[in-house]
Amino acid sequence: MENLKNAALGSTVRVCKIEGEGAVRRRIMDMGITRGAEIFVRKAAPLGDPIEVTVRGYELSLRKADAEKILVE
């Protein structure tokens, strides 16, 4: 498993686990990112913040710190 921050651009990955607790975890799950969801990594800013993804048909921007808490395969 790797985290979403390290996923290759243009790849589709599946969420295995979301680390973290409380507000951080809730914020990630409120975006529709839950276990088993497929995420398409569209692009990342040159310094890696934000990372733009497509989840369940929605285009989202994630902070690098949030992407590190999402474990994918």
Protein backbone atom coordinates (compact mmCIF):
# COMPACT_ATOMS: atom_id res chain seq x y z
CA MET A 1 0.00 0.00 0.00
CA GLU A 2 1.05 3.56 -0.65
CA ASN A 3 -0.54 6.88 0.14
CA LEU A 4 -2.43 8.97 -2.40
CA LYS A 5 0.29 11.63 -2.40
CA ASN A 6 2.69 9.12 -4.01
CA ALA A 7 0.25 7.75 -6.59
CA ALA A 8 1.27 8.22 -10.22
CA LEU A 9 -0.40 10.99 -12.22
CA GLY A 10 -3.01 9.66 -14.62
CA SER A 11 -3.58 6.49 -12.61
CA THR A 12 -6.74 5.17 -10.99
CA VAL A 13 -6.33 3.82 -7.47
CA ARG A 14 -8.68 2.24 -4.91
CA VAL A 15 -8.88 3.46 -1.31
CA CYS A 16 -7.86 0.81 1.25
CA LYS A 17 -7.83 2.81 4.46
CA ILE A 18 -8.10 6.36 5.77
CA GLU A 19 -5.75 7.18 8.62
CA GLY A 20 -6.25 9.96 11.13
CA GLU A 21 -9.01 10.83 13.53
CA GLY A 22 -11.68 13.40 14.20
CA ALA A 23 -12.10 16.41 11.95
CA VAL A 24 -9.42 15.39 9.43
CA ARG A 25 -11.00 11.98 8.83
CA ARG A 26 -14.49 13.48 8.67
CA ARG A 27 -13.38 16.12 6.12
CA ILE A 28 -11.92 13.42 3.86
CA MET A 29 -15.01 11.22 4.14
CA ASP A 30 -17.35 14.17 3.50
CA MET A 31 -15.67 14.54 0.08
CA GLY A 32 -16.90 11.04 -0.83
CA ILE A 33 -13.52 9.43 -0.28
CA THR A 34 -14.34 6.23 1.57
CA ARG A 35 -12.93 2.72 1.66
CA GLY A 36 -13.33 1.06 -1.74
CA ALA A 37 -13.79 4.32 -3.67
CA GLU A 38 -11.85 4.69 -6.92
CA ILE A 39 -9.79 7.85 -7.32
CA PHE A 40 -8.37 9.13 -10.61
CA VAL A 41 -5.28 11.30 -10.03
CA ARG A 42 -5.54 14.15 -12.57
CA LYS A 43 -2.66 16.43 -11.70
CA ALA A 44 -0.51 17.81 -8.91
CA ALA A 45 0.91 21.27 -8.42
CA PRO A 46 4.70 21.50 -8.94
CA LEU A 47 5.33 21.42 -5.20
CA GLY A 48 2.64 18.77 -4.66
CA ASP A 49 0.01 20.99 -3.04
CA PRO A 50 -2.83 20.71 -4.08
CA ILE A 51 -3.39 17.35 -5.71
CA GLU A 52 -6.37 17.31 -8.07
CA VAL A 53 -8.41 14.10 -8.26
CA THR A 54 -11.73 12.82 -9.58
CA VAL A 55 -13.87 10.82 -7.13
CA ARG A 56 -17.36 9.52 -7.97
CA GLY A 57 -17.60 11.98 -10.88
CA TYR A 58 -16.56 15.02 -8.82
CA GLU A 59 -13.34 16.95 -9.37
CA LEU A 60 -11.66 17.72 -6.05
CA SER A 61 -8.49 19.37 -4.79
CA LEU A 62 -6.77 17.77 -1.82
CA ARG A 63 -4.09 19.19 0.40
CA LYS A 64 -0.86 17.24 0.51
CA ALA A 65 -1.35 16.56 4.25
CA ASP A 66 -4.80 15.05 3.59
CA ALA A 67 -3.52 12.94 0.66
CA GLU A 68 -0.88 11.39 2.93
CA LYS A 69 -3.63 10.00 5.18
CA ILE A 70 -5.37 8.12 2.33
CA LEU A 71 -3.83 4.67 1.75
CA VAL A 72 -4.44 3.25 -1.72
CA GLU A 73 -3.58 0.21 -3.83
